[in-house]
Amino acid sequence: MKITGTSSYIILDIDGWKIKAEGEMVIGGFYAEIKSMQQFEPPHEKTPLTDEIKQKYIDEAIKKTAGSHMVIHFV
């Protein structure tokens, strides 16, 4: 998983399939709003984003950032 973003959103990318999560950067991490994860980013925006897929991305992001200087939390 590749994670990029700004102080107001992050992009979670697995093999070119990207999901944008809005939120807020804080000292030591980022708080992402699960409800803001509505669809894949182009060119995959027509593919349905199921709760199972969303949870896979969340789990991967938490696992990847655990113990780092930039921990991602989902609320």
Protein backbone atom coordinates (compact mmCIF):
# COMPACT_ATOMS: atom_id res chain seq x y z
CA MET A 1 0.00 0.00 0.00
CA LYS A 2 1.12 3.50 -0.88
CA ILE A 3 -0.19 6.38 1.23
CA THR A 4 -0.02 10.00 0.06
CA GLY A 5 -1.95 13.14 0.86
CA THR A 6 -2.10 16.56 2.43
CA SER A 7 -3.08 17.98 5.80
CA SER A 8 -6.79 17.52 4.93
CA TYR A 9 -6.94 14.17 3.10
CA ILE A 10 -5.03 10.98 2.36
CA ILE A 11 -5.03 8.71 -0.68
CA LEU A 12 -4.78 4.98 0.01
CA ASP A 13 -3.41 3.18 -3.06
CA ILE A 14 -3.27 -0.57 -3.59
CA ASP A 15 -2.03 -1.50 -7.09
CA GLY A 16 -3.39 1.71 -8.63
CA TRP A 17 -6.83 1.40 -7.01
CA LYS A 18 -7.07 4.57 -4.93
CA ILE A 19 -9.50 5.66 -2.23
CA LYS A 20 -9.52 9.21 -0.85
CA ALA A 21 -10.23 9.72 2.85
CA GLU A 22 -10.79 13.22 4.20
CA GLY A 23 -9.66 14.10 7.69
CA GLU A 24 -7.17 16.11 9.69
CA MET A 25 -3.46 15.89 10.28
CA VAL A 26 -2.45 16.11 13.94
CA ILE A 27 0.89 15.85 15.69
CA GLY A 28 2.04 12.26 15.20
CA GLY A 29 -0.63 11.17 12.78
CA PHE A 30 -3.77 11.64 10.76
CA TYR A 31 -7.43 11.14 11.66
CA ALA A 32 -9.37 9.94 8.62
CA GLU A 33 -13.17 9.96 8.42
CA ILE A 34 -14.48 6.58 7.29
CA LYS A 35 -17.71 8.14 5.99
CA SER A 36 -15.69 10.24 3.52
CA MET A 37 -14.52 7.08 1.74
CA GLN A 38 -17.28 6.90 -0.87
CA GLN A 39 -15.73 5.62 -4.10
CA PHE A 40 -12.53 4.71 -5.89
CA GLU A 41 -10.63 7.55 -7.55
CA PRO A 42 -10.61 7.76 -11.39
CA PRO A 43 -10.35 5.72 -13.54
CA HIS A 44 -12.06 3.17 -11.27
CA GLU A 45 -14.84 5.44 -9.94
CA LYS A 46 -17.57 3.27 -11.52
CA THR A 47 -16.50 0.17 -9.54
CA PRO A 48 -18.61 -0.23 -6.37
CA LEU A 49 -16.74 0.33 -3.10
CA THR A 50 -18.08 -2.29 -0.71
CA ASP A 51 -17.69 -2.25 3.06
CA GLU A 52 -15.37 -5.27 2.77
CA ILE A 53 -13.04 -3.49 0.35
CA LYS A 54 -13.10 -0.35 2.49
CA GLN A 55 -12.19 -2.41 5.57
CA LYS A 56 -9.28 -4.02 3.69
CA TYR A 57 -7.86 -0.57 2.91
CA ILE A 58 -8.36 0.58 6.51
CA ASP A 59 -6.66 -2.53 7.92
CA GLU A 60 -3.71 -2.16 5.53
CA ALA A 61 -3.24 1.53 6.39
CA ILE A 62 -3.36 0.86 10.14
CA LYS A 63 -0.89 -2.02 9.78
CA LYS A 64 1.49 -0.02 7.60
CA THR A 65 1.60 3.04 9.87
CA ALA A 66 1.56 1.35 13.30
CA GLY A 67 4.63 2.37 15.26
CA SER A 68 5.64 5.04 12.74
CA HIS A 69 5.90 8.82 13.18
CA MET A 70 2.63 9.23 11.21
CA VAL A 71 -0.03 6.86 12.56
CA ILE A 72 -3.37 6.86 10.72
CA HIS A 73 -6.53 6.54 12.81
CA PHE A 74 -9.99 5.98 11.32
CA VAL A 75 -13.03 7.56 12.96
